[in-house]
Amino acid sequence: PTQNLEAYKKYLKGAYDWDNINPEVKAQAIQLLHEAVEMDPDFANAHAVLANIYVFPGLVPDISPQESKKRFAYHAQEAMRAQPRNPKALTAMAMMKFNQWDWQGVFDLLQQAISINPSEPLTYFWLCEYYNLMLQFDQTKVMAQRMVDVDPMNPRTLAEAGRALLGLTDFTMAQTYLNRSLELNPNNFLAKQMIAYVSLGEGDIETAARIIEGNHKLAGDHPYVLLGLTFVYSIQANGEKLREILQKFEAFYAASPDPETGMLLSIVCLACGEEERFRKLFDEAIAARSLFALQLYGSFAGIGLFQNEHIKQTRMKYGLPG
């Protein structure tokens, strides 16, 4: 992928640590990836990993969703410029098609990536996202298993496979993969958050609350952690705590009124019983093609939420399965 050994070392370290629950470690990992592409601007794999980081607004501390989208587009395009037949680069371009809601384009690019390298876990992850979106959950399960088969010792891969199976309510296998991920890297953010959702799915609210509150202490007011607390407090009917989270998301949205933040705020509004406000924010996010709205569908966080009749009707309006 690069002839620069130092750039490769930075890439390996950055790719391993970017999903660390500790914000400082995460920031250092992302910086290493940036240094790798500075040392070798044609390092397609490093550009593709950066694109995968920035594609989800809110994952990177101290970066606005607008800046995150800008960086995502830059690194996806640079990966493709450097190596147009690199499977990671093709997958990065598929992410761009997701952002454009070009479903056939997404599928074609991912299939092209797989045809070049059938052992690329990042491609299988995005195929999981695609099949979730199309409500083809049997295929989601197949892609999750392939992800693990080709990359069984990567904590991020195991966490993503666990998340996919969690969305299918296969709590046993989800927990198996998530536990394995945490054995390999006890600080993997995704695995630490998803393991709490396993407890939620099994009805163990107390354990779920303890885990997510622990994550909150480590990660701070990370939007995805706050969203997890929203689900816990909603089940507990803890109106006071829900209002506290609502105020935090309102502050996020006031500082950055973009579709992704609006989508998150809409979910919290729904949990607080503000149906009219939820509909307005949700419709605005969907009209602006919120990626987070797509990622939620088929995820465990979306179970129940997406039985909402308004959400079903909105999806169908935009050509998605209802």
C-alpha atoms as a PDB file:
ATOM      1  CA  PRO A   1       0.000   0.000   0.000  1.00  0.00           C
ATOM      2  CA  THR A   2       2.994   2.351   0.535  1.00  0.00           C
ATOM      3  CA  GLN A   3       6.742   2.192   0.187  1.00  0.00           C
ATOM      4  CA  ASN A   4       7.166   4.510   3.177  1.00  0.00           C
ATOM      5  CA  LEU A   5       7.713   2.289   6.197  1.00  0.00           C
ATOM      6  CA  GLU A   6       7.199   5.108   8.706  1.00  0.00           C
ATOM      7  CA  ALA A   7       3.893   6.070   7.077  1.00  0.00           C
ATOM      8  CA  TYR A   8       2.815   2.428   7.211  1.00  0.00           C
ATOM      9  CA  LYS A   9       3.607   2.199  10.928  1.00  0.00           C
ATOM     10  CA  LYS A  10       1.552   5.325  11.601  1.00  0.00           C
ATOM     11  CA  TYR A  11      -1.286   3.880   9.525  1.00  0.00           C
ATOM     12  CA  LEU A  12      -1.341   0.600  11.463  1.00  0.00           C
ATOM     13  CA  LYS A  13      -1.339   2.361  14.831  1.00  0.00           C
ATOM     14  CA  GLY A  14      -3.945   4.922  13.756  1.00  0.00           C
ATOM     15  CA  ALA A  15      -6.243   2.354  12.162  1.00  0.00           C
ATOM     16  CA  TYR A  16      -6.166   0.275  15.361  1.00  0.00           C
ATOM     17  CA  ASP A  17      -6.796   3.089  17.855  1.00  0.00           C
ATOM     18  CA  TRP A  18      -9.172   5.493  16.085  1.00  0.00           C
ATOM     19  CA  ASP A  19     -12.213   3.882  17.725  1.00  0.00           C
ATOM     20  CA  ASN A  20     -10.802   4.122  21.245  1.00  0.00           C
ATOM     21  CA  ILE A  21     -13.281   5.332  23.849  1.00  0.00           C
ATOM     22  CA  ASN A  22     -10.655   7.681  25.282  1.00  0.00           C
ATOM     23  CA  PRO A  23     -10.978  10.957  23.323  1.00  0.00           C
ATOM     24  CA  GLU A  24      -7.260  11.717  23.635  1.00  0.00           C
ATOM     25  CA  VAL A  25      -6.199   8.321  22.280  1.00  0.00           C
ATOM     26  CA  LYS A  26      -8.741   8.656  19.484  1.00  0.00           C
ATOM     27  CA  ALA A  27      -7.454  12.106  18.531  1.00  0.00           C
ATOM     28  CA  GLN A  28      -3.848  10.870  18.537  1.00  0.00           C
ATOM     29  CA  ALA A  29      -4.803   7.930  16.292  1.00  0.00           C
ATOM     30  CA  ILE A  30      -6.526  10.179  13.775  1.00  0.00           C
ATOM     31  CA  GLN A  31      -3.517  12.480  13.814  1.00  0.00           C
ATOM     32  CA  LEU A  32      -1.275   9.494  12.979  1.00  0.00           C
ATOM     33  CA  LEU A  33      -3.448   8.704   9.962  1.00  0.00           C
ATOM     34  CA  HIS A  34      -3.191  12.310   8.810  1.00  0.00           C
ATOM     35  CA  GLU A  35       0.580  12.148   9.215  1.00  0.00           C
ATOM     36  CA  ALA A  36       0.647   8.946   7.157  1.00  0.00           C
ATOM     37  CA  VAL A  37      -1.067  10.605   4.177  1.00  0.00           C
ATOM     38  CA  GLU A  38       1.137  13.680   4.545  1.00  0.00           C
ATOM     39  CA  MET A  39       4.202  11.445   4.301  1.00  0.00           C
ATOM     40  CA  ASP A  40       2.708   9.583   1.324  1.00  0.00           C
ATOM     41  CA  PRO A  41      -0.173  11.455  -0.379  1.00  0.00           C
ATOM     42  CA  ASP A  42      -0.797   8.365  -2.539  1.00  0.00           C
ATOM     43  CA  PHE A  43      -1.405   6.099   0.476  1.00  0.00           C
ATOM     44  CA  ALA A  44      -4.916   5.007  -0.570  1.00  0.00           C
ATOM     45  CA  ASN A  45      -5.571   2.742   2.425  1.00  0.00           C
ATOM     46  CA  ALA A  46      -4.891   5.551   4.899  1.00  0.00           C
ATOM     47  CA  HIS A  47      -7.119   7.947   2.957  1.00  0.00           C
ATOM     48  CA  ALA A  48      -9.887   5.319   2.924  1.00  0.00           C
ATOM     49  CA  VAL A  49      -9.698   4.773   6.680  1.00  0.00           C
ATOM     50  CA  LEU A  50      -9.891   8.533   7.234  1.00  0.00           C
ATOM     51  CA  ALA A  51     -12.922   8.651   4.951  1.00  0.00           C
ATOM     52  CA  ASN A  52     -14.552   5.904   7.024  1.00  0.00           C
ATOM     53  CA  ILE A  53     -13.885   7.909  10.184  1.00  0.00           C
ATOM     54  CA  TYR A  54     -15.246  11.190   8.888  1.00  0.00           C
ATOM     55  CA  VAL A  55     -18.277   9.734   7.085  1.00  0.00           C
ATOM     56  CA  PHE A  56     -20.217   9.592  10.368  1.00  0.00           C
ATOM     57  CA  PRO A  57     -20.563  13.140  11.743  1.00  0.00           C
ATOM     58  CA  GLY A  58     -20.146  13.279  15.497  1.00  0.00           C
ATOM     59  CA  LEU A  59     -17.541  10.526  15.777  1.00  0.00           C
ATOM     60  CA  VAL A  60     -14.558  12.871  15.862  1.00  0.00           C
ATOM     61  CA  PRO A  61     -14.206  15.211  18.859  1.00  0.00           C
ATOM     62  CA  ASP A  62     -14.106  18.968  18.224  1.00  0.00           C
ATOM     63  CA  ILE A  63     -15.016  18.645  14.523  1.00  0.00           C
ATOM     64  CA  SER A  64     -18.296  20.087  13.274  1.00  0.00           C
ATOM     65  CA  PRO A  65     -20.512  17.843  11.111  1.00  0.00           C
ATOM     66  CA  GLN A  66     -19.920  20.188   8.185  1.00  0.00           C
ATOM     67  CA  GLU A  67     -16.142  19.896   8.541  1.00  0.00           C
ATOM     68  CA  SER A  68     -16.452  16.140   8.990  1.00  0.00           C
ATOM     69  CA  LYS A  69     -18.356  15.844   5.696  1.00  0.00           C
ATOM     70  CA  LYS A  70     -15.790  18.001   3.937  1.00  0.00           C
ATOM     71  CA  ARG A  71     -12.910  15.843   5.170  1.00  0.00           C
ATOM     72  CA  PHE A  72     -14.785  12.661   4.312  1.00  0.00           C
ATOM     73  CA  ALA A  73     -15.264  13.750   0.689  1.00  0.00           C
ATOM     74  CA  TYR A  74     -11.634  14.827   0.382  1.00  0.00           C
ATOM     75  CA  HIS A  75     -10.162  11.550   1.658  1.00  0.00           C
ATOM     76  CA  ALA A  76     -12.578   9.369  -0.311  1.00  0.00           C
ATOM     77  CA  GLN A  77     -11.637  11.187  -3.514  1.00  0.00           C
ATOM     78  CA  GLU A  78      -7.922  11.075  -2.684  1.00  0.00           C
ATOM     79  CA  ALA A  79      -8.083   7.325  -2.056  1.00  0.00           C
ATOM     80  CA  MET A  80      -9.702   6.842  -5.459  1.00  0.00           C
ATOM     81  CA  ARG A  81      -7.264   9.198  -7.178  1.00  0.00           C
ATOM     82  CA  ALA A  82      -4.284   7.349  -5.746  1.00  0.00           C
ATOM     83  CA  GLN A  83      -5.498   3.814  -6.486  1.00  0.00           C
ATOM     84  CA  PRO A  84      -8.761   3.548  -8.412  1.00  0.00           C
ATOM     85  CA  ARG A  85      -8.809  -0.259  -8.177  1.00  0.00           C
ATOM     86  CA  ASN A  86      -7.978  -0.402  -4.487  1.00  0.00           C
ATOM     87  CA  PRO A  87     -10.894  -2.159  -2.687  1.00  0.00           C
ATOM     88  CA  LYS A  88     -10.731   0.264   0.231  1.00  0.00           C
ATOM     89  CA  ALA A  89     -10.809   3.196  -2.201  1.00  0.00           C
ATOM     90  CA  LEU A  90     -13.798   1.711  -4.035  1.00  0.00           C
ATOM     91  CA  THR A  91     -15.526   1.221  -0.693  1.00  0.00           C
ATOM     92  CA  ALA A  92     -14.825   4.853   0.189  1.00  0.00           C
ATOM     93  CA  MET A  93     -16.497   5.892  -3.062  1.00  0.00           C
ATOM     94  CA  ALA A  94     -19.443   3.656  -2.170  1.00  0.00           C
ATOM     95  CA  MET A  95     -19.723   5.700   1.030  1.00  0.00           C
ATOM     96  CA  MET A  96     -20.026   8.800  -1.153  1.00  0.00           C
ATOM     97  CA  LYS A  97     -22.848   7.113  -3.055  1.00  0.00           C
ATOM     98  CA  PHE A  98     -24.548   6.459   0.290  1.00  0.00           C
ATOM     99  CA  ASN A  99     -24.358  10.187   0.970  1.00  0.00           C
ATOM    100  CA  GLN A 100     -25.936  10.830  -2.439  1.00  0.00           C
ATOM    101  CA  TRP A 101     -28.621   8.161  -1.896  1.00  0.00           C
ATOM    102  CA  ASP A 102     -27.526   6.405  -5.061  1.00  0.00           C
ATOM    103  CA  TRP A 103     -28.376   2.856  -4.001  1.00  0.00           C
ATOM    104  CA  GLN A 104     -27.413   1.166  -7.277  1.00  0.00           C
ATOM    105  CA  GLY A 105     -24.124   3.047  -7.269  1.00  0.00           C
ATOM    106  CA  VAL A 106     -23.455   1.858  -3.710  1.00  0.00           C
ATOM    107  CA  PHE A 107     -24.113  -1.764  -4.587  1.00  0.00           C
ATOM    108  CA  ASP A 108     -22.091  -1.708  -7.821  1.00  0.00           C
ATOM    109  CA  LEU A 109     -18.996  -0.216  -6.179  1.00  0.00           C
ATOM    110  CA  LEU A 110     -19.123  -2.636  -3.249  1.00  0.00           C
ATOM    111  CA  GLN A 111     -19.478  -5.594  -5.605  1.00  0.00           C
ATOM    112  CA  GLN A 112     -16.524  -4.304  -7.609  1.00  0.00           C
ATOM    113  CA  ALA A 113     -14.447  -4.037  -4.434  1.00  0.00           C
ATOM    114  CA  ILE A 114     -15.335  -7.594  -3.420  1.00  0.00           C
ATOM    115  CA  SER A 115     -14.473  -8.913  -6.882  1.00  0.00           C
ATOM    116  CA  ILE A 116     -10.966  -7.443  -6.501  1.00  0.00           C
ATOM    117  CA  ASN A 117     -10.451  -8.504  -2.896  1.00  0.00           C
ATOM    118  CA  PRO A 118     -13.020 -10.828  -1.302  1.00  0.00           C
ATOM    119  CA  SER A 119     -11.186 -10.467   2.027  1.00  0.00           C
ATOM    120  CA  GLU A 120     -11.744  -6.748   2.658  1.00  0.00           C
ATOM    121  CA  PRO A 121     -13.730  -6.399   5.933  1.00  0.00           C
ATOM    122  CA  LEU A 122     -14.538  -2.714   5.368  1.00  0.00           C
ATOM    123  CA  THR A 123     -16.471  -3.645   2.232  1.00  0.00           C
ATOM    124  CA  TYR A 124     -18.502  -6.270   4.068  1.00  0.00           C
ATOM    125  CA  PHE A 125     -19.336  -3.710   6.745  1.00  0.00           C
ATOM    126  CA  TRP A 126     -20.811  -1.375   4.137  1.00  0.00           C
ATOM    127  CA  LEU A 127     -22.662  -4.263   2.524  1.00  0.00           C
ATOM    128  CA  CYS A 128     -24.246  -4.825   5.945  1.00  0.00           C
ATOM    129  CA  GLU A 129     -25.322  -1.180   5.900  1.00  0.00           C
ATOM    130  CA  TYR A 130     -26.718  -1.545   2.381  1.00  0.00           C
ATOM    131  CA  TYR A 131     -28.718  -4.698   3.113  1.00  0.00           C
ATOM    132  CA  ASN A 132     -30.041  -3.200   6.355  1.00  0.00           C
ATOM    133  CA  LEU A 133     -31.266  -0.215   4.408  1.00  0.00           C
ATOM    134  CA  MET A 134     -32.999  -2.465   1.869  1.00  0.00           C
ATOM    135  CA  LEU A 135     -34.482  -4.567   4.709  1.00  0.00           C
ATOM    136  CA  GLN A 136     -32.689  -7.658   3.383  1.00  0.00           C
ATOM    137  CA  PHE A 137     -31.698  -8.824   6.840  1.00  0.00           C
ATOM    138  CA  ASP A 138     -30.782 -12.385   5.813  1.00  0.00           C
ATOM    139  CA  GLN A 139     -28.032 -10.900   3.644  1.00  0.00           C
ATOM    140  CA  THR A 140     -26.944  -8.649   6.506  1.00  0.00           C
ATOM    141  CA  LYS A 141     -26.288 -11.747   8.591  1.00  0.00           C
ATOM    142  CA  VAL A 142     -24.274 -13.354   5.777  1.00  0.00           C
ATOM    143  CA  MET A 143     -22.126 -10.231   5.348  1.00  0.00           C
ATOM    144  CA  ALA A 144     -21.521  -9.975   9.100  1.00  0.00           C
ATOM    145  CA  GLN A 145     -20.261 -13.551   9.193  1.00  0.00           C
ATOM    146  CA  ARG A 146     -18.009 -12.974   6.184  1.00  0.00           C
ATOM    147  CA  MET A 147     -16.595  -9.896   7.886  1.00  0.00           C
ATOM    148  CA  VAL A 148     -15.489 -12.037  10.806  1.00  0.00           C
ATOM    149  CA  ASP A 149     -14.292 -14.897   8.600  1.00  0.00           C
ATOM    150  CA  VAL A 150     -11.850 -12.644   6.722  1.00  0.00           C
ATOM    151  CA  ASP A 151     -10.670 -10.599   9.729  1.00  0.00           C
ATOM    152  CA  PRO A 152     -11.243 -12.616  12.931  1.00  0.00           C
ATOM    153  CA  MET A 153      -8.666 -10.862  15.117  1.00  0.00           C
ATOM    154  CA  ASN A 154      -9.583  -7.235  14.458  1.00  0.00           C
ATOM    155  CA  PRO A 155     -11.524  -5.708  17.384  1.00  0.00           C
ATOM    156  CA  ARG A 156     -13.251  -3.156  15.137  1.00  0.00           C
ATOM    157  CA  THR A 157     -14.387  -5.858  12.689  1.00  0.00           C
ATOM    158  CA  LEU A 158     -15.737  -7.985  15.537  1.00  0.00           C
ATOM    159  CA  ALA A 159     -17.543  -4.987  17.025  1.00  0.00           C
ATOM    160  CA  GLU A 160     -19.152  -4.125  13.683  1.00  0.00           C
ATOM    161  CA  ALA A 161     -20.263  -7.729  13.184  1.00  0.00           C
ATOM    162  CA  GLY A 162     -21.694  -7.710  16.700  1.00  0.00           C
ATOM    163  CA  ARG A 163     -23.555  -4.487  15.957  1.00  0.00           C
ATOM    164  CA  ALA A 164     -25.030  -5.979  12.776  1.00  0.00           C
ATOM    165  CA  LEU A 165     -26.237  -9.107  14.581  1.00  0.00           C
ATOM    166  CA  LEU A 166     -27.579  -7.004  17.425  1.00  0.00           C
ATOM    167  CA  GLY A 167     -29.823  -5.246  14.912  1.00  0.00           C
ATOM    168  CA  LEU A 168     -31.131  -8.681  13.925  1.00  0.00           C
ATOM    169  CA  THR A 169     -31.804  -9.422  17.636  1.00  0.00           C
ATOM    170  CA  ASP A 170     -29.328 -12.299  17.582  1.00  0.00           C
ATOM    171  CA  PHE A 171     -28.156 -11.369  21.059  1.00  0.00           C
ATOM    172  CA  THR A 172     -26.145 -14.548  21.665  1.00  0.00           C
ATOM    173  CA  MET A 173     -23.863 -14.215  18.643  1.00  0.00           C
ATOM    174  CA  ALA A 174     -23.709 -10.443  19.011  1.00  0.00           C
ATOM    175  CA  GLN A 175     -22.438 -10.824  22.558  1.00  0.00           C
ATOM    176  CA  THR A 176     -19.917 -13.450  21.447  1.00  0.00           C
ATOM    177  CA  TYR A 177     -18.356 -11.105  18.902  1.00  0.00           C
ATOM    178  CA  LEU A 178     -18.511  -8.062  21.173  1.00  0.00           C
ATOM    179  CA  ASN A 179     -16.881  -9.921  24.055  1.00  0.00           C
ATOM    180  CA  ARG A 180     -14.138 -11.108  21.699  1.00  0.00           C
ATOM    181  CA  SER A 181     -13.623  -7.541  20.509  1.00  0.00           C
ATOM    182  CA  LEU A 182     -13.240  -6.294  24.078  1.00  0.00           C
ATOM    183  CA  GLU A 183     -10.827  -9.106  24.916  1.00  0.00           C
ATOM    184  CA  LEU A 184      -8.604  -7.901  22.079  1.00  0.00           C
ATOM    185  CA  ASN A 185      -9.099  -4.204  22.839  1.00  0.00           C
ATOM    186  CA  PRO A 186     -10.886  -3.349  26.113  1.00  0.00           C
ATOM    187  CA  ASN A 187     -11.173   0.295  25.008  1.00  0.00           C
ATOM    188  CA  ASN A 188     -12.980  -0.243  21.705  1.00  0.00           C
ATOM    189  CA  PHE A 189     -15.726   2.369  21.775  1.00  0.00           C
ATOM    190  CA  LEU A 190     -18.208   0.595  19.534  1.00  0.00           C
ATOM    191  CA  ALA A 191     -17.967  -2.711  21.373  1.00  0.00           C
ATOM    192  CA  LYS A 192     -18.329  -1.040  24.784  1.00  0.00           C
ATOM    193  CA  GLN A 193     -21.469   0.753  23.593  1.00  0.00           C
ATOM    194  CA  MET A 194     -23.023  -2.228  21.787  1.00  0.00           C
ATOM    195  CA  ILE A 195     -22.512  -4.592  24.710  1.00  0.00           C
ATOM    196  CA  ALA A 196     -24.851  -2.320  26.663  1.00  0.00           C
ATOM    197  CA  TYR A 197     -27.467  -2.688  23.925  1.00  0.00           C
ATOM    198  CA  VAL A 198     -27.239  -6.474  24.315  1.00  0.00           C
ATOM    199  CA  SER A 199     -28.281  -5.998  27.942  1.00  0.00           C
ATOM    200  CA  LEU A 200     -31.096  -3.705  26.817  1.00  0.00           C
ATOM    201  CA  GLY A 201     -32.282  -6.318  24.350  1.00  0.00           C
ATOM    202  CA  GLU A 202     -32.274  -8.983  27.014  1.00  0.00           C
ATOM    203  CA  GLY A 203     -34.269  -6.751  29.366  1.00  0.00           C
ATOM    204  CA  ASP A 204     -31.413  -6.113  31.808  1.00  0.00           C
ATOM    205  CA  ILE A 205     -31.896  -2.358  32.074  1.00  0.00           C
ATOM    206  CA  GLU A 206     -29.777  -2.002  35.203  1.00  0.00           C
ATOM    207  CA  THR A 207     -26.688  -3.494  33.543  1.00  0.00           C
ATOM    208  CA  ALA A 208     -27.237  -1.466  30.369  1.00  0.00           C
ATOM    209  CA  ALA A 209     -27.517   1.741  32.389  1.00  0.00           C
ATOM    210  CA  ARG A 210     -24.360   0.944  34.343  1.00  0.00           C
ATOM    211  CA  ILE A 211     -22.337   0.250  31.180  1.00  0.00           C
ATOM    212  CA  ILE A 212     -23.496   3.330  29.270  1.00  0.00           C
ATOM    213  CA  GLU A 213     -23.059   5.601  32.278  1.00  0.00           C
ATOM    214  CA  GLY A 214     -19.525   4.201  32.589  1.00  0.00           C
ATOM    215  CA  ASN A 215     -18.940   4.952  28.910  1.00  0.00           C
ATOM    216  CA  HIS A 216     -20.235   8.464  29.531  1.00  0.00           C
ATOM    217  CA  LYS A 217     -17.594   9.020  32.190  1.00  0.00           C
ATOM    218  CA  LEU A 218     -14.877   7.898  29.771  1.00  0.00           C
ATOM    219  CA  ALA A 219     -16.095   9.503  26.539  1.00  0.00           C
ATOM    220  CA  GLY A 220     -17.891  12.568  27.889  1.00  0.00           C
ATOM    221  CA  ASP A 221     -20.936  13.965  26.081  1.00  0.00           C
ATOM    222  CA  HIS A 222     -20.362  11.946  22.933  1.00  0.00           C
ATOM    223  CA  PRO A 223     -23.616  12.079  20.920  1.00  0.00           C
ATOM    224  CA  TYR A 224     -23.822   8.303  20.527  1.00  0.00           C
ATOM    225  CA  VAL A 225     -23.338   7.747  24.258  1.00  0.00           C
ATOM    226  CA  LEU A 226     -26.027  10.308  25.019  1.00  0.00           C
ATOM    227  CA  LEU A 227     -28.305   8.543  22.560  1.00  0.00           C
ATOM    228  CA  GLY A 228     -27.757   5.293  24.443  1.00  0.00           C
ATOM    229  CA  LEU A 229     -28.665   7.023  27.688  1.00  0.00           C
ATOM    230  CA  THR A 230     -31.784   8.336  25.962  1.00  0.00           C
ATOM    231  CA  PHE A 231     -32.972   4.770  25.316  1.00  0.00           C
ATOM    232  CA  VAL A 232     -32.198   3.726  28.902  1.00  0.00           C
ATOM    233  CA  TYR A 233     -33.966   6.685  30.482  1.00  0.00           C
ATOM    234  CA  SER A 234     -36.908   6.287  28.124  1.00  0.00           C
ATOM    235  CA  ILE A 235     -37.419   2.700  29.282  1.00  0.00           C
ATOM    236  CA  GLN A 236     -37.015   3.821  32.884  1.00  0.00           C
ATOM    237  CA  ALA A 237     -39.500   6.670  32.271  1.00  0.00           C
ATOM    238  CA  ASN A 238     -36.944   9.036  33.821  1.00  0.00           C
ATOM    239  CA  GLY A 239     -38.299  12.314  32.517  1.00  0.00           C
ATOM    240  CA  GLU A 240     -35.806  14.476  34.394  1.00  0.00           C
ATOM    241  CA  LYS A 241     -32.782  12.732  32.889  1.00  0.00           C
ATOM    242  CA  LEU A 242     -34.374  12.776  29.435  1.00  0.00           C
ATOM    243  CA  ARG A 243     -34.843  16.529  29.647  1.00  0.00           C
ATOM    244  CA  GLU A 244     -31.170  16.936  30.587  1.00  0.00           C
ATOM    245  CA  ILE A 245     -30.123  15.012  27.482  1.00  0.00           C
ATOM    246  CA  LEU A 246     -32.599  16.949  25.361  1.00  0.00           C
ATOM    247  CA  GLN A 247     -31.009  20.205  26.511  1.00  0.00           C
ATOM    248  CA  LYS A 248     -27.559  18.913  25.528  1.00  0.00           C
ATOM    249  CA  PHE A 249     -28.722  17.971  22.037  1.00  0.00           C
ATOM    250  CA  GLU A 250     -30.484  21.301  21.687  1.00  0.00           C
ATOM    251  CA  ALA A 251     -27.159  22.976  22.473  1.00  0.00           C
ATOM    252  CA  PHE A 252     -25.408  20.778  19.875  1.00  0.00           C
ATOM    253  CA  TYR A 253     -28.010  21.722  17.286  1.00  0.00           C
ATOM    254  CA  ALA A 254     -27.837  25.434  18.119  1.00  0.00           C
ATOM    255  CA  ALA A 255     -24.063  25.321  17.618  1.00  0.00           C
ATOM    256  CA  SER A 256     -24.317  23.230  14.430  1.00  0.00           C
ATOM    257  CA  PRO A 257     -27.811  23.117  12.853  1.00  0.00           C
ATOM    258  CA  ASP A 258     -27.003  20.391  10.331  1.00  0.00           C
ATOM    259  CA  PRO A 259     -29.099  17.358   9.273  1.00  0.00           C
ATOM    260  CA  GLU A 260     -27.109  14.807  11.287  1.00  0.00           C
ATOM    261  CA  THR A 261     -27.429  16.703  14.567  1.00  0.00           C
ATOM    262  CA  GLY A 262     -31.062  17.411  13.734  1.00  0.00           C
ATOM    263  CA  MET A 263     -31.675  13.707  13.222  1.00  0.00           C
ATOM    264  CA  LEU A 264     -30.236  12.884  16.642  1.00  0.00           C
ATOM    265  CA  LEU A 265     -32.256  15.671  18.240  1.00  0.00           C
ATOM    266  CA  SER A 266     -35.412  14.344  16.586  1.00  0.00           C
ATOM    267  CA  ILE A 267     -34.954  10.942  18.257  1.00  0.00           C
ATOM    268  CA  VAL A 268     -34.526  12.541  21.666  1.00  0.00           C
ATOM    269  CA  CYS A 269     -37.631  14.680  21.040  1.00  0.00           C
ATOM    270  CA  LEU A 270     -39.590  11.508  20.280  1.00  0.00           C
ATOM    271  CA  ALA A 271     -38.355   9.903  23.504  1.00  0.00           C
ATOM    272  CA  CYS A 272     -39.499  13.030  25.381  1.00  0.00           C
ATOM    273  CA  GLY A 273     -42.954  12.832  23.834  1.00  0.00           C
ATOM    274  CA  GLU A 274     -42.517  15.846  21.556  1.00  0.00           C
ATOM    275  CA  GLU A 275     -44.084  14.183  18.507  1.00  0.00           C
ATOM    276  CA  GLU A 276     -44.661  17.301  16.414  1.00  0.00           C
ATOM    277  CA  ARG A 277     -41.116  18.548  16.900  1.00  0.00           C
ATOM    278  CA  PHE A 278     -39.787  15.083  16.152  1.00  0.00           C
ATOM    279  CA  ARG A 279     -41.637  14.984  12.821  1.00  0.00           C
ATOM    280  CA  LYS A 280     -40.357  18.390  11.761  1.00  0.00           C
ATOM    281  CA  LEU A 281     -36.724  17.637  12.574  1.00  0.00           C
ATOM    282  CA  PHE A 282     -36.877  14.136  11.144  1.00  0.00           C
ATOM    283  CA  ASP A 283     -38.411  15.305   7.875  1.00  0.00           C
ATOM    284  CA  GLU A 284     -35.783  18.039   7.526  1.00  0.00           C
ATOM    285  CA  ALA A 285     -32.981  15.522   8.153  1.00  0.00           C
ATOM    286  CA  ILE A 286     -34.367  13.055   5.629  1.00  0.00           C
ATOM    287  CA  ALA A 287     -34.916  15.784   3.026  1.00  0.00           C
ATOM    288  CA  ALA A 288     -31.249  16.762   3.488  1.00  0.00           C
ATOM    289  CA  ARG A 289     -30.220  13.092   3.105  1.00  0.00           C
ATOM    290  CA  SER A 290     -28.979  12.439   6.616  1.00  0.00           C
ATOM    291  CA  LEU A 291     -26.592   9.489   6.654  1.00  0.00           C
ATOM    292  CA  PHE A 292     -27.347   8.854  10.310  1.00  0.00           C
ATOM    293  CA  ALA A 293     -31.007   8.324   9.429  1.00  0.00           C
ATOM    294  CA  LEU A 294     -29.932   5.572   7.053  1.00  0.00           C
ATOM    295  CA  GLN A 295     -27.520   3.957   9.489  1.00  0.00           C
ATOM    296  CA  LEU A 296     -30.163   3.730  12.191  1.00  0.00           C
ATOM    297  CA  TYR A 297     -32.412   1.602  10.018  1.00  0.00           C
ATOM    298  CA  GLY A 298     -31.752  -2.061  10.739  1.00  0.00           C
ATOM    299  CA  SER A 299     -29.713  -1.214  13.837  1.00  0.00           C
ATOM    300  CA  PHE A 300     -30.714  -2.202  17.343  1.00  0.00           C
ATOM    301  CA  ALA A 301     -31.236   1.459  18.181  1.00  0.00           C
ATOM    302  CA  GLY A 302     -33.823   1.569  15.405  1.00  0.00           C
ATOM    303  CA  ILE A 303     -35.902  -1.348  16.657  1.00  0.00           C
ATOM    304  CA  GLY A 304     -39.247   0.027  17.754  1.00  0.00           C
ATOM    305  CA  LEU A 305     -38.261   3.536  16.724  1.00  0.00           C
ATOM    306  CA  PHE A 306     -38.734   2.689  13.077  1.00  0.00           C
ATOM    307  CA  GLN A 307     -42.125   1.133  13.655  1.00  0.00           C
ATOM    308  CA  ASN A 308     -43.270   4.729  13.872  1.00  0.00           C
ATOM    309  CA  GLU A 309     -45.805   5.187  11.079  1.00  0.00           C
ATOM    310  CA  HIS A 310     -44.492   8.629  10.149  1.00  0.00           C
ATOM    311  CA  ILE A 311     -40.991   7.233   9.614  1.00  0.00           C
ATOM    312  CA  LYS A 312     -42.330   4.414   7.445  1.00  0.00           C
ATOM    313  CA  GLN A 313     -44.251   6.845   5.262  1.00  0.00           C
ATOM    314  CA  THR A 314     -41.253   9.158   4.932  1.00  0.00           C
ATOM    315  CA  ARG A 315     -38.968   6.305   3.855  1.00  0.00           C
ATOM    316  CA  MET A 316     -41.414   5.232   1.162  1.00  0.00           C
ATOM    317  CA  LYS A 317     -41.670   8.813  -0.051  1.00  0.00           C
ATOM    318  CA  TYR A 318     -37.938   8.759  -0.782  1.00  0.00           C
ATOM    319  CA  GLY A 319     -38.004   5.404  -2.549  1.00  0.00           C
ATOM    320  CA  LEU A 320     -36.875   3.205   0.328  1.00  0.00           C
ATOM    321  CA  PRO A 321     -38.629   0.010   1.470  1.00  0.00           C
ATOM    322  CA  GLY A 322     -41.277   0.767   4.095  1.00  0.00           C
END
